[in-house]
Amino acid sequence: MRWNLRLAAANRGIWKASELQRSLAERGLVISAGKMSGLWSGQPASIKLDDLDVICAVLGCPVGELLLPEPEKVAQPGDTESAPAAAVSGAAPVVPRRRDGRSLPPA
């Protein structure tokens, strides 16, 4: 999926993240400046569905205008070109570790 907030806002005459942030706050969605910057200029890793509802209500747009599908980026069965490098090369998987040296809880 591709995040399309900036273009959707621009189509409605909203050119600054701060303008949208104020409009969202008026509808009850208070977003920090840092999170708003991420929503405005980047691709959010996640977004709450309730927040998405408010954004759509403020912009007066369907969710399909904010989230654009990119099916060509989805790996197809048997497609080895898009398979992760570790799976192709047979390398050991990466094990996440905490930076503070503590162990992770058991899986």
N, C-alpha and C. Protein backbone atom coordinates (compact mmCIF):
# COMPACT_ATOMS: atom_id res chain seq x y z
N MET A 1 0.83 -1.19 0.00
CA MET A 1 0.00 0.00 0.00
C MET A 1 0.87 1.25 0.00
N ARG A 2 0.42 2.25 -0.67
CA ARG A 2 1.12 3.53 -0.69
C ARG A 2 0.25 4.56 0.03
N TRP A 3 0.86 5.30 0.92
CA TRP A 3 0.19 6.34 1.71
C TRP A 3 0.13 7.61 0.88
N ASN A 4 -1.06 8.20 0.75
CA ASN A 4 -1.28 9.30 -0.17
C ASN A 4 -1.90 10.52 0.52
N LEU A 5 -1.59 10.73 1.80
CA LEU A 5 -2.22 11.80 2.58
C LEU A 5 -1.92 13.18 2.01
N ARG A 6 -0.69 13.43 1.67
CA ARG A 6 -0.30 14.77 1.23
C ARG A 6 -1.05 15.20 -0.03
N LEU A 7 -1.17 14.30 -1.00
CA LEU A 7 -1.88 14.63 -2.23
C LEU A 7 -3.38 14.79 -1.97
N ALA A 8 -3.94 13.91 -1.14
CA ALA A 8 -5.37 14.01 -0.82
C ALA A 8 -5.67 15.34 -0.14
N ALA A 9 -4.78 15.77 0.75
CA ALA A 9 -4.96 17.06 1.43
C ALA A 9 -4.81 18.22 0.45
N ALA A 10 -3.81 18.14 -0.42
CA ALA A 10 -3.57 19.21 -1.39
C ALA A 10 -4.76 19.37 -2.33
N ASN A 11 -5.40 18.27 -2.69
CA ASN A 11 -6.58 18.33 -3.56
C ASN A 11 -7.73 19.08 -2.90
N ARG A 12 -7.65 19.25 -1.58
CA ARG A 12 -8.69 19.96 -0.84
C ARG A 12 -8.20 21.30 -0.31
N GLY A 13 -7.07 21.76 -0.82
CA GLY A 13 -6.55 23.08 -0.44
C GLY A 13 -5.80 23.12 0.87
N ILE A 14 -5.42 21.98 1.40
CA ILE A 14 -4.64 21.94 2.63
C ILE A 14 -3.20 21.69 2.23
N TRP A 15 -2.35 22.71 2.45
CA TRP A 15 -0.98 22.65 1.96
C TRP A 15 0.05 22.44 3.05
N LYS A 16 -0.35 22.58 4.31
CA LYS A 16 0.59 22.43 5.42
C LYS A 16 0.08 21.38 6.40
N ALA A 17 1.03 20.64 6.95
CA ALA A 17 0.68 19.62 7.94
C ALA A 17 0.01 20.25 9.14
N SER A 18 0.44 21.45 9.52
CA SER A 18 -0.14 22.12 10.69
C SER A 18 -1.61 22.46 10.47
N GLU A 19 -1.99 22.79 9.23
CA GLU A 19 -3.40 23.05 8.92
C GLU A 19 -4.24 21.80 9.16
N LEU A 20 -3.76 20.68 8.64
CA LEU A 20 -4.48 19.42 8.81
C LEU A 20 -4.50 19.02 10.28
N GLN A 21 -3.40 19.23 10.98
CA GLN A 21 -3.31 18.89 12.39
C GLN A 21 -4.37 19.65 13.19
N ARG A 22 -4.55 20.94 12.90
CA ARG A 22 -5.59 21.73 13.58
C ARG A 22 -6.98 21.21 13.27
N SER A 23 -7.22 20.88 12.01
CA SER A 23 -8.54 20.36 11.62
C SER A 23 -8.83 19.03 12.30
N LEU A 24 -7.82 18.18 12.40
CA LEU A 24 -8.00 16.89 13.08
C LEU A 24 -8.29 17.10 14.55
N ALA A 25 -7.58 18.05 15.19
CA ALA A 25 -7.79 18.34 16.61
C ALA A 25 -9.23 18.83 16.86
N GLU A 26 -9.77 19.60 15.93
CA GLU A 26 -11.15 20.09 16.05
C GLU A 26 -12.14 18.93 16.04
N ARG A 27 -11.77 17.83 15.41
CA ARG A 27 -12.62 16.63 15.36
C ARG A 27 -12.29 15.63 16.46
N GLY A 28 -11.36 15.99 17.36
CA GLY A 28 -11.05 15.13 18.49
C GLY A 28 -9.83 14.26 18.33
N LEU A 29 -9.12 14.39 17.23
CA LEU A 29 -7.90 13.60 17.02
C LEU A 29 -6.69 14.49 17.21
N VAL A 30 -6.10 14.42 18.40
CA VAL A 30 -4.93 15.23 18.72
C VAL A 30 -3.68 14.41 18.38
N ILE A 31 -2.88 14.93 17.47
CA ILE A 31 -1.68 14.24 16.99
C ILE A 31 -0.47 15.10 17.32
N SER A 32 0.56 14.47 17.86
CA SER A 32 1.79 15.20 18.17
C SER A 32 2.43 15.70 16.88
N ALA A 33 3.29 16.70 17.02
CA ALA A 33 3.97 17.27 15.85
C ALA A 33 4.83 16.20 15.16
N GLY A 34 5.48 15.37 15.94
CA GLY A 34 6.33 14.32 15.37
C GLY A 34 5.53 13.30 14.58
N LYS A 35 4.41 12.85 15.15
CA LYS A 35 3.59 11.87 14.44
C LYS A 35 2.96 12.50 13.20
N MET A 36 2.55 13.76 13.32
CA MET A 36 1.95 14.44 12.17
C MET A 36 2.97 14.58 11.04
N SER A 37 4.20 14.87 11.40
CA SER A 37 5.26 14.97 10.39
C SER A 37 5.43 13.64 9.67
N GLY A 38 5.40 12.54 10.43
CA GLY A 38 5.52 11.22 9.82
C GLY A 38 4.36 10.89 8.90
N LEU A 39 3.15 11.24 9.32
CA LEU A 39 1.97 10.99 8.48
C LEU A 39 2.02 11.84 7.21
N TRP A 40 2.48 13.07 7.36
CA TRP A 40 2.48 14.03 6.25
C TRP A 40 3.54 13.71 5.21
N SER A 41 4.74 13.37 5.67
CA SER A 41 5.85 13.27 4.73
C SER A 41 6.34 11.84 4.49
N GLY A 42 5.83 10.89 5.21
CA GLY A 42 6.35 9.55 5.07
C GLY A 42 5.29 8.50 4.82
N GLN A 43 5.68 7.31 5.05
CA GLN A 43 4.82 6.13 4.90
C GLN A 43 4.66 5.54 6.29
N PRO A 44 3.53 5.74 6.97
CA PRO A 44 3.41 5.23 8.33
C PRO A 44 3.45 3.70 8.36
N ALA A 45 4.12 3.17 9.37
CA ALA A 45 4.18 1.72 9.53
C ALA A 45 2.82 1.19 9.96
N SER A 46 2.09 1.99 10.72
CA SER A 46 0.75 1.59 11.15
C SER A 46 -0.08 2.84 11.42
N ILE A 47 -1.38 2.66 11.36
CA ILE A 47 -2.30 3.74 11.69
C ILE A 47 -3.57 3.10 12.23
N LYS A 48 -4.11 3.68 13.28
CA LYS A 48 -5.33 3.14 13.88
C LYS A 48 -6.51 3.40 12.93
N LEU A 49 -7.40 2.45 12.88
CA LEU A 49 -8.57 2.60 12.01
C LEU A 49 -9.43 3.76 12.45
N ASP A 50 -9.54 4.01 13.75
CA ASP A 50 -10.31 5.16 14.24
C ASP A 50 -9.69 6.47 13.75
N ASP A 51 -8.34 6.54 13.77
CA ASP A 51 -7.66 7.73 13.29
C ASP A 51 -7.88 7.91 11.79
N LEU A 52 -7.87 6.81 11.06
CA LEU A 52 -8.11 6.85 9.63
C LEU A 52 -9.52 7.37 9.33
N ASP A 53 -10.48 6.97 10.15
CA ASP A 53 -11.85 7.47 10.00
C ASP A 53 -11.91 8.98 10.15
N VAL A 54 -11.21 9.51 11.16
CA VAL A 54 -11.22 10.95 11.40
C VAL A 54 -10.53 11.68 10.24
N ILE A 55 -9.41 11.17 9.78
CA ILE A 55 -8.70 11.79 8.66
C ILE A 55 -9.61 11.84 7.43
N CYS A 56 -10.29 10.73 7.15
CA CYS A 56 -11.21 10.69 6.00
C CYS A 56 -12.36 11.67 6.18
N ALA A 57 -12.88 11.79 7.39
CA ALA A 57 -13.98 12.72 7.65
C ALA A 57 -13.52 14.16 7.47
N VAL A 58 -12.34 14.50 7.96
CA VAL A 58 -11.83 15.86 7.84
C VAL A 58 -11.57 16.21 6.37
N LEU A 59 -10.98 15.28 5.63
CA LEU A 59 -10.67 15.54 4.23
C LEU A 59 -11.87 15.33 3.31
N GLY A 60 -12.90 14.64 3.82
CA GLY A 60 -14.06 14.36 2.97
C GLY A 60 -13.71 13.44 1.83
N CYS A 61 -12.92 12.41 2.13
CA CYS A 61 -12.51 11.49 1.07
C CYS A 61 -12.69 10.05 1.53
N PRO A 62 -12.80 9.12 0.59
CA PRO A 62 -12.85 7.71 0.95
C PRO A 62 -11.45 7.21 1.32
N VAL A 63 -11.38 6.14 2.06
CA VAL A 63 -10.10 5.58 2.48
C VAL A 63 -9.25 5.17 1.28
N GLY A 64 -9.88 4.83 0.19
CA GLY A 64 -9.17 4.44 -1.02
C GLY A 64 -8.36 5.57 -1.65
N GLU A 65 -8.64 6.79 -1.25
CA GLU A 65 -7.85 7.91 -1.75
C GLU A 65 -6.58 8.10 -0.91
N LEU A 66 -6.60 7.62 0.33
CA LEU A 66 -5.43 7.72 1.21
C LEU A 66 -4.51 6.52 1.08
N LEU A 67 -5.08 5.34 0.89
CA LEU A 67 -4.32 4.11 0.79
C LEU A 67 -4.47 3.55 -0.63
N LEU A 68 -3.39 3.61 -1.38
CA LEU A 68 -3.43 3.14 -2.76
C LEU A 68 -2.78 1.76 -2.85
N PRO A 69 -3.49 0.77 -3.35
CA PRO A 69 -2.91 -0.57 -3.44
C PRO A 69 -1.79 -0.62 -4.48
N GLU A 70 -0.79 -1.44 -4.17
CA GLU A 70 0.31 -1.67 -5.10
C GLU A 70 0.52 -3.18 -5.22
N PRO A 71 -0.41 -3.86 -5.92
CA PRO A 71 -0.34 -5.32 -6.00
C PRO A 71 0.92 -5.83 -6.70
N GLU A 72 1.54 -5.00 -7.53
CA GLU A 72 2.76 -5.44 -8.21
C GLU A 72 3.92 -5.66 -7.25
N LYS A 73 3.82 -5.14 -6.03
CA LYS A 73 4.89 -5.31 -5.04
C LYS A 73 4.72 -6.57 -4.20
N VAL A 74 3.61 -7.27 -4.37
CA VAL A 74 3.35 -8.48 -3.60
C VAL A 74 4.02 -9.66 -4.30
N ALA A 75 4.77 -10.44 -3.54
CA ALA A 75 5.46 -11.61 -4.10
C ALA A 75 4.44 -12.65 -4.55
N GLN A 76 4.71 -13.25 -5.69
CA GLN A 76 3.87 -14.31 -6.22
C GLN A 76 4.41 -15.66 -5.79
N PRO A 77 3.57 -16.67 -5.64
CA PRO A 77 4.06 -18.01 -5.27
C PRO A 77 5.10 -18.49 -6.28
N GLY A 78 6.21 -19.00 -5.76
CA GLY A 78 7.27 -19.51 -6.61
C GLY A 78 8.17 -18.44 -7.19
N ASP A 79 7.97 -17.21 -6.81
CA ASP A 79 8.77 -16.10 -7.30
C ASP A 79 10.03 -15.99 -6.45
N THR A 80 11.16 -16.48 -6.95
CA THR A 80 12.40 -16.47 -6.18
C THR A 80 13.12 -15.13 -6.25
N GLU A 81 12.80 -14.30 -7.23
CA GLU A 81 13.45 -13.00 -7.34
C GLU A 81 13.09 -12.09 -6.18
N SER A 82 11.87 -12.16 -5.69
CA SER A 82 11.44 -11.28 -4.62
C SER A 82 11.52 -11.94 -3.24
N ALA A 83 12.04 -13.17 -3.19
CA ALA A 83 12.18 -13.86 -1.90
C ALA A 83 13.27 -13.20 -1.08
N PRO A 84 13.14 -13.22 0.25
CA PRO A 84 14.17 -12.62 1.09
C PRO A 84 15.54 -13.25 0.83
N ALA A 85 16.59 -12.46 0.96
CA ALA A 85 17.95 -12.91 0.66
C ALA A 85 18.36 -14.08 1.53
N ALA A 86 17.96 -14.09 2.80
CA ALA A 86 18.34 -15.18 3.69
C ALA A 86 17.76 -16.51 3.21
N ALA A 87 16.53 -16.48 2.70
CA ALA A 87 15.90 -17.70 2.23
C ALA A 87 16.58 -18.20 0.97
N VAL A 88 17.01 -17.31 0.10
CA VAL A 88 17.64 -17.69 -1.15
C VAL A 88 19.06 -18.20 -0.91
N SER A 89 19.82 -17.48 -0.08
CA SER A 89 21.22 -17.84 0.12
C SER A 89 21.41 -18.94 1.16
N GLY A 90 20.38 -19.25 1.93
CA GLY A 90 20.49 -20.27 2.94
C GLY A 90 21.16 -19.76 4.21
N ALA A 91 21.35 -18.46 4.34
CA ALA A 91 21.96 -17.88 5.53
C ALA A 91 21.03 -18.02 6.72
N ALA A 92 21.60 -18.01 7.91
CA ALA A 92 20.81 -18.12 9.13
C ALA A 92 19.93 -16.88 9.28
N PRO A 93 18.73 -17.06 9.80
CA PRO A 93 17.85 -15.91 9.99
C PRO A 93 18.40 -14.95 11.05
N VAL A 94 18.04 -13.70 10.92
CA VAL A 94 18.48 -12.69 11.88
C VAL A 94 17.64 -12.83 13.14
N VAL A 95 18.31 -12.85 14.29
CA VAL A 95 17.62 -12.95 15.57
C VAL A 95 17.65 -11.58 16.22
N PRO A 96 16.47 -11.00 16.52
CA PRO A 96 16.46 -9.67 17.12
C PRO A 96 17.04 -9.69 18.53
N ARG A 97 17.78 -8.65 18.86
CA ARG A 97 18.37 -8.52 20.19
C ARG A 97 18.09 -7.11 20.70
N ARG A 98 17.92 -7.03 21.99
CA ARG A 98 17.70 -5.72 22.60
C ARG A 98 19.03 -4.98 22.69
N ARG A 99 18.98 -3.67 22.61
CA ARG A 99 20.19 -2.85 22.65
C ARG A 99 20.77 -2.77 24.06
N ASP A 100 19.94 -2.96 25.07
CA ASP A 100 20.43 -2.83 26.43
C ASP A 100 21.04 -4.13 26.96
N GLY A 101 21.12 -5.16 26.14
CA GLY A 101 21.77 -6.40 26.52
C GLY A 101 20.86 -7.40 27.21
N ARG A 102 19.65 -6.99 27.57
CA ARG A 102 18.73 -7.92 28.22
C ARG A 102 18.17 -8.89 27.20
N SER A 103 17.78 -10.05 27.66
CA SER A 103 17.22 -11.04 26.74
C SER A 103 15.76 -10.72 26.44
N LEU A 104 15.30 -11.21 25.31
CA LEU A 104 13.91 -11.05 24.93
C LEU A 104 13.06 -12.11 25.62
N PRO A 105 11.77 -11.86 25.82
CA PRO A 105 10.91 -12.88 26.42
C PRO A 105 10.81 -14.08 25.51
N PRO A 106 10.52 -15.26 26.06
CA PRO A 106 10.42 -16.44 25.22
C PRO A 106 9.27 -16.33 24.23
N ALA A 107 9.45 -16.93 23.07
CA ALA A 107 8.43 -16.83 22.01
C ALA A 107 7.36 -17.87 22.19
